[in-house]
Amino acid sequence: MMPSKMTLQEYFTPLAGAEVIARANQFFTQRNTLYAAFPDQQGPGWASFRGQGGEELVVAAAPVPGGSRVTGSSYLFTMQVMRFFTTLPPMDAPAPAEVA
């Protein structure tokens, strides 16, 4: 089953993956609202968070020429993932042949 376009989102930024994950940790854990999320697991290039009712949110960053391809996935936190992406500097998506 393929995820919907809303549950799996993609963004390109000139930031390195480690910086993206550091910013995700700051963004999602410092929100004092109903949609706060707390660190669950983390590895090189990705972090997962748990929020309301145990809902999982995952952010990953993979290197691409000139920056990172950032993906965010969640069922309940789709708007918060979109808001997080707006805090990152934008970058044009590389040509499909450059993204592996």
Protein backbone atom coordinates (compact mmCIF):
# COMPACT_ATOMS: atom_id res chain seq x y z
CA MET A 1 0.00 0.00 0.00
CA MET A 2 1.45 3.35 -1.02
CA PRO A 3 1.35 6.20 1.54
CA SER A 4 -0.77 9.19 0.61
CA LYS A 5 0.93 12.40 -0.47
CA MET A 6 -0.07 13.92 2.85
CA THR A 7 1.43 11.25 5.10
CA LEU A 8 4.81 11.20 3.30
CA GLN A 9 6.13 14.65 2.50
CA GLU A 10 9.35 15.71 0.80
CA TYR A 11 11.43 18.89 0.87
CA PHE A 12 14.85 19.92 -0.44
CA THR A 13 17.19 22.18 1.51
CA PRO A 14 20.83 23.26 1.21
CA LEU A 15 21.40 22.24 4.87
CA ALA A 16 23.38 19.12 5.78
CA GLY A 17 21.41 16.17 7.13
CA ALA A 18 22.79 16.50 10.67
CA GLU A 19 21.62 20.12 10.81
CA VAL A 20 18.15 19.13 9.58
CA ILE A 21 17.82 16.47 12.30
CA ALA A 22 19.06 18.90 14.97
CA ARG A 23 16.45 21.43 13.84
CA ALA A 24 13.74 18.75 13.85
CA ASN A 25 14.63 17.85 17.44
CA GLN A 26 14.37 21.49 18.44
CA PHE A 27 11.18 22.20 16.47
CA PHE A 28 9.10 19.22 17.58
CA THR A 29 10.18 19.05 21.21
CA GLN A 30 9.83 22.76 21.99
CA ARG A 31 6.23 23.09 20.85
CA ASN A 32 4.07 23.41 23.94
CA THR A 33 0.76 22.50 22.32
CA LEU A 34 -1.55 19.58 21.77
CA TYR A 35 0.78 18.61 18.90
CA ALA A 36 4.05 18.45 20.85
CA ALA A 37 6.17 15.41 20.05
CA PHE A 38 8.95 13.87 22.10
CA PRO A 39 12.12 12.10 20.92
CA ASP A 40 11.69 8.36 20.53
CA GLN A 41 14.61 7.03 18.47
CA GLN A 42 17.39 8.54 16.39
CA GLY A 43 20.09 7.37 14.03
CA PRO A 44 22.37 8.85 11.38
CA GLY A 45 20.12 10.96 9.15
CA TRP A 46 16.78 10.26 10.86
CA ALA A 47 14.79 10.83 14.02
CA SER A 48 11.43 9.58 15.24
CA PHE A 49 9.16 11.27 17.72
CA ARG A 50 6.05 10.24 19.69
CA GLY A 51 3.12 12.52 20.29
CA GLN A 52 -0.51 12.48 21.27
CA GLY A 53 -1.78 8.93 21.78
CA GLY A 54 1.60 7.47 20.81
CA GLU A 55 1.36 8.84 17.26
CA GLU A 56 4.70 8.45 15.47
CA LEU A 57 6.39 11.13 13.41
CA VAL A 58 9.58 10.40 11.45
CA VAL A 59 11.95 12.88 9.79
CA ALA A 60 14.86 11.75 7.61
CA ALA A 61 17.51 13.60 5.62
CA ALA A 62 19.55 12.09 2.79
CA PRO A 63 22.36 13.85 0.93
CA VAL A 64 21.74 15.13 -2.58
CA PRO A 65 23.97 17.39 -4.69
CA GLY A 66 23.98 20.80 -2.97
CA GLY A 67 22.10 19.80 0.19
CA SER A 68 19.61 17.30 1.57
CA ARG A 69 16.39 15.60 0.57
CA VAL A 70 14.21 15.71 3.69
CA THR A 71 11.23 13.43 4.16
CA GLY A 72 8.66 13.59 6.91
CA SER A 73 6.00 11.01 7.62
CA SER A 74 3.08 11.01 10.04
CA TYR A 75 -0.64 10.41 10.01
CA LEU A 76 -1.71 12.92 12.68
CA PHE A 77 1.15 15.44 12.44
CA THR A 78 1.02 16.26 8.72
CA MET A 79 0.47 20.00 9.31
CA GLN A 80 3.35 20.14 11.81
CA VAL A 81 5.66 18.43 9.29
CA MET A 82 4.68 21.07 6.72
CA ARG A 83 5.35 23.82 9.27
CA PHE A 84 8.75 22.33 10.07
CA PHE A 85 9.67 22.31 6.39
CA THR A 86 8.91 26.04 6.17
CA THR A 87 11.60 26.68 8.81
CA LEU A 88 14.27 25.19 6.52
CA PRO A 89 15.86 27.20 3.72
CA PRO A 90 14.48 25.99 0.37
CA MET A 91 16.44 24.50 -2.48
CA ASP A 92 15.37 23.47 -5.96
CA ALA A 93 15.01 19.72 -6.33
CA PRO A 94 17.94 18.14 -8.16
CA ALA A 95 17.33 16.50 -11.52
CA PRO A 96 15.89 12.96 -11.05
CA ALA A 97 19.11 11.38 -12.34
CA GLU A 98 21.05 13.10 -9.52
CA VAL A 99 18.80 11.77 -6.73
CA ALA A 100 19.68 8.20 -5.81
